[in-house]
Amino acid sequence: MIMPLCYEQQVQYNIENAKYDKRQEISNTFVLRNNDKSNNCSDVWEKLSEKFNISNASFNDIKYVSSELYKAGQISLLDHGILTFDPSESPQRIKPNIFLTQSDSNARMDWIAEYEARANKDLNIGNTTGYLNNKRILNILKQLL
């Protein structure tokens, strides 16, 4: 299993172009810090990789894994949304099947193969944003092997 790098989660956002009253003195950046020191990132990944086999997991398993990683600050909200998007929950009448690989009789599938197929499909049709998103998800899932 590839362990993710642990780091103090610190993100700087540039607000130079933000609209503000020029009379106010403000810094051109602000920092968000995760102050929860009890949450060791390697523990989260290790526990999830021991509990779930990403190569044979249900969609509910993936949703749980994604939720735990998001709550631990290990993946972004976008990544969490991509991993947990369920078209069957859509209010639309037509519910497309977004899966490119087959699940077994217990609704379990190889999520590595699924996201590899999605990334390859996006690359073939020139959807670079989808390709990059799916490659990022693929890297997250590979860390759980």
N, C-alpha and C. Protein backbone atom coordinates (compact mmCIF):
# COMPACT_ATOMS: atom_id res chain seq x y z
N MET A 1 0.84 -1.18 0.00
CA MET A 1 0.00 0.00 0.00
C MET A 1 0.89 1.24 0.00
N ILE A 2 0.57 2.18 -0.83
CA ILE A 2 1.28 3.45 -0.87
C ILE A 2 0.67 4.35 0.19
N MET A 3 1.49 4.84 1.10
CA MET A 3 0.98 5.71 2.15
C MET A 3 1.02 7.16 1.68
N PRO A 4 -0.02 7.91 1.94
CA PRO A 4 -0.04 9.32 1.55
C PRO A 4 0.93 10.10 2.42
N LEU A 5 1.42 11.18 1.87
CA LEU A 5 2.28 12.05 2.65
C LEU A 5 1.45 12.80 3.67
N CYS A 6 1.89 12.80 4.89
CA CYS A 6 1.20 13.57 5.92
C CYS A 6 1.81 14.96 5.96
N TYR A 7 0.99 15.93 6.06
CA TYR A 7 1.46 17.29 6.12
C TYR A 7 0.45 18.11 6.88
N GLU A 8 0.91 19.20 7.43
CA GLU A 8 -0.05 20.11 8.06
C GLU A 8 -0.85 20.72 6.94
N GLN A 9 -2.13 20.55 7.02
CA GLN A 9 -2.98 21.03 5.95
C GLN A 9 -3.09 22.54 6.03
N GLN A 10 -2.36 23.19 5.16
CA GLN A 10 -2.34 24.64 5.13
C GLN A 10 -2.51 25.07 3.68
N VAL A 11 -3.53 25.86 3.43
CA VAL A 11 -3.81 26.30 2.08
C VAL A 11 -3.86 27.81 2.09
N GLN A 12 -3.15 28.41 1.15
CA GLN A 12 -3.19 29.86 1.04
C GLN A 12 -4.04 30.24 -0.16
N TYR A 13 -4.90 31.20 0.03
CA TYR A 13 -5.74 31.70 -1.03
C TYR A 13 -5.37 33.15 -1.31
N ASN A 14 -5.16 33.46 -2.56
CA ASN A 14 -4.82 34.81 -2.95
C ASN A 14 -6.11 35.60 -3.10
N ILE A 15 -6.19 36.73 -2.43
CA ILE A 15 -7.40 37.55 -2.53
C ILE A 15 -7.09 38.94 -3.10
N GLU A 16 -6.01 39.04 -3.88
CA GLU A 16 -5.66 40.33 -4.46
C GLU A 16 -6.77 40.89 -5.32
N ASN A 17 -7.45 40.02 -6.06
CA ASN A 17 -8.47 40.48 -6.98
C ASN A 17 -9.86 40.57 -6.35
N ALA A 18 -9.95 40.24 -5.08
CA ALA A 18 -11.25 40.31 -4.41
C ALA A 18 -11.66 41.76 -4.23
N LYS A 19 -12.95 41.99 -4.26
CA LYS A 19 -13.45 43.35 -4.07
C LYS A 19 -13.48 43.67 -2.58
N TYR A 20 -12.85 44.73 -2.20
CA TYR A 20 -12.87 45.18 -0.82
C TYR A 20 -12.63 46.68 -0.80
N ASP A 21 -12.94 47.26 0.31
CA ASP A 21 -12.74 48.69 0.49
C ASP A 21 -11.24 48.92 0.63
N LYS A 22 -10.65 49.70 -0.28
CA LYS A 22 -9.20 49.91 -0.29
C LYS A 22 -8.71 50.64 0.96
N ARG A 23 -9.64 51.24 1.71
CA ARG A 23 -9.24 51.92 2.94
C ARG A 23 -8.92 50.93 4.04
N GLN A 24 -9.43 49.71 3.89
CA GLN A 24 -9.15 48.69 4.90
C GLN A 24 -7.78 48.09 4.65
N GLU A 25 -7.05 47.88 5.70
CA GLU A 25 -5.77 47.21 5.56
C GLU A 25 -6.00 45.72 5.76
N ILE A 26 -5.75 44.97 4.70
CA ILE A 26 -5.89 43.53 4.81
C ILE A 26 -4.69 42.87 4.16
N SER A 27 -4.43 41.70 4.59
CA SER A 27 -3.37 40.90 3.99
C SER A 27 -3.85 40.42 2.63
N ASN A 28 -2.90 40.13 1.72
CA ASN A 28 -3.32 39.65 0.41
C ASN A 28 -3.51 38.13 0.40
N THR A 29 -3.33 37.47 1.51
CA THR A 29 -3.59 36.03 1.60
C THR A 29 -4.22 35.72 2.95
N PHE A 30 -4.92 34.61 2.99
CA PHE A 30 -5.38 34.11 4.27
C PHE A 30 -5.13 32.61 4.29
N VAL A 31 -5.03 32.04 5.45
CA VAL A 31 -4.62 30.66 5.60
C VAL A 31 -5.71 29.89 6.34
N LEU A 32 -6.03 28.71 5.82
CA LEU A 32 -6.92 27.79 6.50
C LEU A 32 -6.08 26.66 7.05
N ARG A 33 -6.23 26.37 8.31
CA ARG A 33 -5.46 25.29 8.92
C ARG A 33 -6.40 24.27 9.52
N ASN A 34 -5.99 23.04 9.41
CA ASN A 34 -6.71 21.96 10.08
C ASN A 34 -6.06 21.81 11.45
N ASN A 35 -6.72 22.23 12.50
CA ASN A 35 -6.15 22.20 13.84
C ASN A 35 -6.42 20.90 14.57
N ASP A 36 -7.04 19.95 13.91
CA ASP A 36 -7.36 18.68 14.55
C ASP A 36 -6.13 17.77 14.53
N LYS A 37 -5.32 17.86 15.57
CA LYS A 37 -4.08 17.09 15.65
C LYS A 37 -4.32 15.62 15.98
N SER A 38 -5.52 15.28 16.43
CA SER A 38 -5.81 13.89 16.80
C SER A 38 -6.02 13.02 15.57
N ASN A 39 -6.15 13.63 14.41
CA ASN A 39 -6.48 12.90 13.20
C ASN A 39 -5.22 12.67 12.39
N ASN A 40 -4.54 11.55 12.63
CA ASN A 40 -3.33 11.22 11.91
C ASN A 40 -3.71 10.66 10.54
N CYS A 41 -3.24 11.30 9.47
CA CYS A 41 -3.71 10.92 8.15
C CYS A 41 -3.34 9.50 7.78
N SER A 42 -2.19 9.03 8.17
CA SER A 42 -1.81 7.66 7.79
C SER A 42 -2.71 6.64 8.46
N ASP A 43 -3.22 6.94 9.66
CA ASP A 43 -4.14 6.03 10.33
C ASP A 43 -5.44 5.86 9.56
N VAL A 44 -5.96 6.94 9.02
CA VAL A 44 -7.21 6.89 8.27
C VAL A 44 -7.05 6.00 7.05
N TRP A 45 -6.00 6.21 6.29
CA TRP A 45 -5.76 5.43 5.08
C TRP A 45 -5.53 3.96 5.44
N GLU A 46 -4.77 3.73 6.47
CA GLU A 46 -4.46 2.36 6.87
C GLU A 46 -5.71 1.61 7.32
N LYS A 47 -6.52 2.25 8.15
CA LYS A 47 -7.75 1.62 8.64
C LYS A 47 -8.70 1.30 7.49
N LEU A 48 -8.86 2.24 6.57
CA LEU A 48 -9.76 2.02 5.45
C LEU A 48 -9.24 0.94 4.51
N SER A 49 -7.93 0.90 4.30
CA SER A 49 -7.38 -0.13 3.41
C SER A 49 -7.47 -1.52 4.03
N GLU A 50 -7.44 -1.59 5.36
CA GLU A 50 -7.61 -2.88 6.03
C GLU A 50 -9.06 -3.34 6.00
N LYS A 51 -9.98 -2.40 6.08
CA LYS A 51 -11.40 -2.73 6.17
C LYS A 51 -12.04 -3.02 4.80
N PHE A 52 -11.54 -2.35 3.73
CA PHE A 52 -12.18 -2.46 2.42
C PHE A 52 -11.19 -2.92 1.36
N ASN A 53 -11.68 -3.74 0.45
CA ASN A 53 -10.94 -4.15 -0.72
C ASN A 53 -11.49 -3.35 -1.90
N ILE A 54 -10.78 -2.34 -2.32
CA ILE A 54 -11.25 -1.43 -3.36
C ILE A 54 -11.42 -2.16 -4.69
N SER A 55 -10.75 -3.27 -4.85
CA SER A 55 -10.89 -4.07 -6.08
C SER A 55 -12.13 -4.95 -6.06
N ASN A 56 -12.83 -4.97 -4.94
CA ASN A 56 -14.06 -5.76 -4.82
C ASN A 56 -14.95 -5.11 -3.77
N ALA A 57 -15.46 -3.92 -4.10
CA ALA A 57 -16.24 -3.15 -3.13
C ALA A 57 -17.58 -2.75 -3.72
N SER A 58 -18.53 -2.56 -2.86
CA SER A 58 -19.85 -2.07 -3.29
C SER A 58 -19.81 -0.55 -3.38
N PHE A 59 -20.84 0.01 -3.99
CA PHE A 59 -20.93 1.47 -4.07
C PHE A 59 -21.09 2.06 -2.66
N ASN A 60 -21.81 1.37 -1.79
CA ASN A 60 -21.95 1.84 -0.41
C ASN A 60 -20.60 1.86 0.30
N ASP A 61 -19.75 0.88 0.01
CA ASP A 61 -18.40 0.87 0.58
C ASP A 61 -17.62 2.09 0.12
N ILE A 62 -17.71 2.39 -1.17
CA ILE A 62 -16.99 3.54 -1.73
C ILE A 62 -17.50 4.84 -1.12
N LYS A 63 -18.80 4.94 -0.94
CA LYS A 63 -19.37 6.14 -0.32
C LYS A 63 -18.86 6.30 1.11
N TYR A 64 -18.76 5.20 1.84
CA TYR A 64 -18.26 5.26 3.22
C TYR A 64 -16.79 5.67 3.24
N VAL A 65 -15.99 5.05 2.39
CA VAL A 65 -14.57 5.37 2.31
C VAL A 65 -14.38 6.84 1.97
N SER A 66 -15.10 7.31 0.97
CA SER A 66 -15.01 8.70 0.56
C SER A 66 -15.39 9.65 1.69
N SER A 67 -16.46 9.32 2.39
CA SER A 67 -16.90 10.15 3.50
C SER A 67 -15.85 10.23 4.60
N GLU A 68 -15.26 9.11 4.92
CA GLU A 68 -14.22 9.08 5.97
C GLU A 68 -12.99 9.88 5.55
N LEU A 69 -12.58 9.75 4.30
CA LEU A 69 -11.42 10.50 3.81
C LEU A 69 -11.71 12.00 3.78
N TYR A 70 -12.94 12.34 3.38
CA TYR A 70 -13.30 13.76 3.35
C TYR A 70 -13.35 14.34 4.76
N LYS A 71 -13.97 13.61 5.69
CA LYS A 71 -14.05 14.10 7.08
C LYS A 71 -12.66 14.26 7.69
N ALA A 72 -11.72 13.41 7.27
CA ALA A 72 -10.35 13.49 7.78
C ALA A 72 -9.53 14.55 7.05
N GLY A 73 -10.13 15.21 6.07
CA GLY A 73 -9.41 16.26 5.35
C GLY A 73 -8.42 15.72 4.34
N GLN A 74 -8.59 14.47 3.92
CA GLN A 74 -7.63 13.85 3.02
C GLN A 74 -8.00 13.98 1.55
N ILE A 75 -9.26 14.25 1.25
CA ILE A 75 -9.68 14.49 -0.13
C ILE A 75 -10.55 15.74 -0.16
N SER A 76 -10.65 16.32 -1.32
CA SER A 76 -11.43 17.55 -1.48
C SER A 76 -12.92 17.23 -1.58
N LEU A 77 -13.72 18.26 -1.47
CA LEU A 77 -15.16 18.11 -1.64
C LEU A 77 -15.48 17.67 -3.07
N LEU A 78 -14.73 18.16 -4.03
CA LEU A 78 -14.93 17.74 -5.42
C LEU A 78 -14.68 16.24 -5.56
N ASP A 79 -13.58 15.75 -5.01
CA ASP A 79 -13.27 14.33 -5.07
C ASP A 79 -14.35 13.51 -4.37
N HIS A 80 -14.80 13.98 -3.23
CA HIS A 80 -15.87 13.30 -2.49
C HIS A 80 -17.15 13.26 -3.34
N GLY A 81 -17.45 14.36 -4.00
CA GLY A 81 -18.63 14.41 -4.86
C GLY A 81 -18.53 13.45 -6.04
N ILE A 82 -17.37 13.38 -6.65
CA ILE A 82 -17.17 12.47 -7.78
C ILE A 82 -17.32 11.03 -7.33
N LEU A 83 -16.73 10.70 -6.20
CA LEU A 83 -16.78 9.33 -5.71
C LEU A 83 -18.18 8.90 -5.27
N THR A 84 -18.97 9.83 -4.81
CA THR A 84 -20.27 9.47 -4.23
C THR A 84 -21.46 9.81 -5.12
N PHE A 85 -21.20 10.34 -6.31
CA PHE A 85 -22.31 10.70 -7.19
C PHE A 85 -23.09 9.45 -7.59
N ASP A 86 -24.38 9.49 -7.36
CA ASP A 86 -25.25 8.35 -7.64
C ASP A 86 -26.40 8.82 -8.52
N PRO A 87 -26.35 8.53 -9.84
CA PRO A 87 -27.42 8.99 -10.72
C PRO A 87 -28.77 8.37 -10.40
N SER A 88 -28.79 7.25 -9.71
CA SER A 88 -30.08 6.65 -9.37
C SER A 88 -30.84 7.49 -8.35
N GLU A 89 -30.16 8.39 -7.67
CA GLU A 89 -30.79 9.29 -6.70
C GLU A 89 -31.29 10.58 -7.35
N SER A 90 -31.04 10.72 -8.64
CA SER A 90 -31.42 11.93 -9.36
C SER A 90 -32.94 12.02 -9.50
N PRO A 91 -33.49 13.23 -9.44
CA PRO A 91 -34.93 13.39 -9.63
C PRO A 91 -35.36 13.24 -11.09
N GLN A 92 -34.42 13.14 -12.01
CA GLN A 92 -34.76 12.98 -13.42
C GLN A 92 -35.40 11.61 -13.66
N ARG A 93 -36.28 11.57 -14.64
CA ARG A 93 -36.92 10.30 -14.99
C ARG A 93 -35.94 9.30 -15.57
N ILE A 94 -35.07 9.79 -16.45
CA ILE A 94 -34.08 8.92 -17.08
C ILE A 94 -32.86 8.86 -16.17
N LYS A 95 -32.49 7.66 -15.79
CA LYS A 95 -31.37 7.46 -14.88
C LYS A 95 -30.27 6.70 -15.63
N PRO A 96 -29.27 7.43 -16.14
CA PRO A 96 -28.24 6.76 -16.93
C PRO A 96 -27.34 5.88 -16.07
N ASN A 97 -26.83 4.84 -16.68
CA ASN A 97 -25.85 3.98 -16.02
C ASN A 97 -24.48 4.55 -16.36
N ILE A 98 -23.81 5.14 -15.38
CA ILE A 98 -22.51 5.77 -15.63
C ILE A 98 -21.35 4.80 -15.49
N PHE A 99 -21.62 3.58 -15.09
CA PHE A 99 -20.55 2.61 -14.86
C PHE A 99 -20.09 2.00 -16.17
N LEU A 100 -18.78 1.91 -16.35
CA LEU A 100 -18.21 1.37 -17.58
C LEU A 100 -17.76 -0.07 -17.41
N THR A 101 -17.69 -0.54 -16.18
CA THR A 101 -17.32 -1.93 -15.91
C THR A 101 -18.48 -2.63 -15.25
N GLN A 102 -18.46 -3.93 -15.29
CA GLN A 102 -19.56 -4.73 -14.75
C GLN A 102 -19.35 -5.02 -13.26
N SER A 103 -20.45 -5.02 -12.54
CA SER A 103 -20.40 -5.44 -11.14
C SER A 103 -20.75 -6.92 -11.07
N ASP A 104 -20.40 -7.55 -9.96
CA ASP A 104 -20.74 -8.96 -9.81
C ASP A 104 -22.18 -9.08 -9.29
N SER A 105 -22.59 -10.30 -8.98
CA SER A 105 -23.97 -10.54 -8.54
C SER A 105 -24.29 -9.88 -7.20
N ASN A 106 -23.26 -9.53 -6.43
CA ASN A 106 -23.46 -8.86 -5.13
C ASN A 106 -23.29 -7.35 -5.24
N ALA A 107 -23.31 -6.84 -6.47
CA ALA A 107 -23.16 -5.39 -6.74
C ALA A 107 -21.80 -4.86 -6.30
N ARG A 108 -20.80 -5.72 -6.36
CA ARG A 108 -19.42 -5.31 -6.05
C ARG A 108 -18.65 -5.19 -7.35
N MET A 109 -17.72 -4.25 -7.37
CA MET A 109 -16.93 -4.08 -8.58
C MET A 109 -15.51 -3.65 -8.26
N ASP A 110 -14.67 -3.72 -9.27
CA ASP A 110 -13.29 -3.28 -9.15
C ASP A 110 -13.27 -1.79 -9.46
N TRP A 111 -13.14 -0.96 -8.44
CA TRP A 111 -13.22 0.49 -8.61
C TRP A 111 -11.98 1.06 -9.28
N ILE A 112 -10.85 0.36 -9.16
CA ILE A 112 -9.64 0.78 -9.88
C ILE A 112 -9.91 0.65 -11.39
N ALA A 113 -10.43 -0.51 -11.80
CA ALA A 113 -10.73 -0.73 -13.22
C ALA A 113 -11.80 0.26 -13.71
N GLU A 114 -12.78 0.55 -12.87
CA GLU A 114 -13.84 1.49 -13.25
C GLU A 114 -13.28 2.87 -13.54
N TYR A 115 -12.45 3.39 -12.65
CA TYR A 115 -11.92 4.74 -12.86
C TYR A 115 -10.84 4.78 -13.93
N GLU A 116 -10.14 3.66 -14.16
CA GLU A 116 -9.23 3.59 -15.31
C GLU A 116 -10.04 3.67 -16.60
N ALA A 117 -11.16 2.96 -16.66
CA ALA A 117 -12.02 2.99 -17.85
C ALA A 117 -12.60 4.39 -18.05
N ARG A 118 -13.01 5.04 -16.99
CA ARG A 118 -13.56 6.40 -17.12
C ARG A 118 -12.50 7.37 -17.61
N ALA A 119 -11.29 7.26 -17.05
CA ALA A 119 -10.21 8.15 -17.47
C ALA A 119 -9.87 7.92 -18.94
N ASN A 120 -9.78 6.66 -19.36
CA ASN A 120 -9.47 6.35 -20.76
C ASN A 120 -10.56 6.86 -21.69
N LYS A 121 -11.81 6.72 -21.30
CA LYS A 121 -12.93 7.21 -22.12
C LYS A 121 -12.83 8.73 -22.28
N ASP A 122 -12.58 9.42 -21.16
CA ASP A 122 -12.47 10.88 -21.22
C ASP A 122 -11.29 11.31 -22.07
N LEU A 123 -10.18 10.59 -21.98
CA LEU A 123 -9.01 10.91 -22.80
C LEU A 123 -9.34 10.72 -24.28
N ASN A 124 -10.02 9.64 -24.61
CA ASN A 124 -10.36 9.35 -26.01
C ASN A 124 -11.31 10.38 -26.62
N ILE A 125 -12.20 10.95 -25.82
CA ILE A 125 -13.14 11.93 -26.37
C ILE A 125 -12.66 13.37 -26.19
N GLY A 126 -11.48 13.54 -25.60
CA GLY A 126 -10.92 14.88 -25.45
C GLY A 126 -11.44 15.65 -24.25
N ASN A 127 -12.04 14.96 -23.30
CA ASN A 127 -12.55 15.61 -22.09
C ASN A 127 -11.40 15.66 -21.06
N THR A 128 -10.57 16.69 -21.17
CA THR A 128 -9.38 16.75 -20.31
C THR A 128 -9.73 16.97 -18.84
N THR A 129 -10.77 17.73 -18.58
CA THR A 129 -11.17 17.95 -17.18
C THR A 129 -11.63 16.63 -16.56
N GLY A 130 -12.48 15.91 -17.26
CA GLY A 130 -12.93 14.60 -16.77
C GLY A 130 -11.77 13.64 -16.61
N TYR A 131 -10.86 13.66 -17.58
CA TYR A 131 -9.68 12.79 -17.51
C TYR A 131 -8.86 13.08 -16.26
N LEU A 132 -8.57 14.35 -16.02
CA LEU A 132 -7.76 14.72 -14.86
C LEU A 132 -8.48 14.39 -13.55
N ASN A 133 -9.78 14.64 -13.50
CA ASN A 133 -10.55 14.30 -12.30
C ASN A 133 -10.52 12.80 -12.03
N ASN A 134 -10.73 12.01 -13.07
CA ASN A 134 -10.75 10.56 -12.89
C ASN A 134 -9.36 9.99 -12.57
N LYS A 135 -8.31 10.59 -13.11
CA LYS A 135 -6.95 10.15 -12.76
C LYS A 135 -6.66 10.46 -11.29
N ARG A 136 -7.15 11.61 -10.82
CA ARG A 136 -6.95 11.97 -9.41
C ARG A 136 -7.70 10.99 -8.51
N ILE A 137 -8.94 10.63 -8.88
CA ILE A 137 -9.71 9.65 -8.11
C ILE A 137 -9.00 8.30 -8.15
N LEU A 138 -8.48 7.94 -9.29
CA LEU A 138 -7.75 6.68 -9.43
C LEU A 138 -6.54 6.64 -8.49
N ASN A 139 -5.83 7.74 -8.40
CA ASN A 139 -4.68 7.80 -7.47
C ASN A 139 -5.12 7.68 -6.02
N ILE A 140 -6.25 8.27 -5.68
CA ILE A 140 -6.79 8.13 -4.32
C ILE A 140 -7.10 6.68 -4.03
N LEU A 141 -7.79 6.02 -4.96
CA LEU A 141 -8.18 4.62 -4.75
C LEU A 141 -6.95 3.69 -4.68
N LYS A 142 -5.94 3.98 -5.48
CA LYS A 142 -4.73 3.14 -5.46
C LYS A 142 -4.00 3.22 -4.11
N GLN A 143 -4.18 4.34 -3.42
CA GLN A 143 -3.56 4.46 -2.09
C GLN A 143 -4.21 3.53 -1.07
N LEU A 144 -5.38 3.01 -1.43
CA LEU A 144 -6.09 2.12 -0.51
C LEU A 144 -5.81 0.65 -0.77
N LEU A 145 -4.95 0.35 -1.75
CA LEU A 145 -4.61 -1.06 -2.02
C LEU A 145 -3.67 -1.61 -0.98
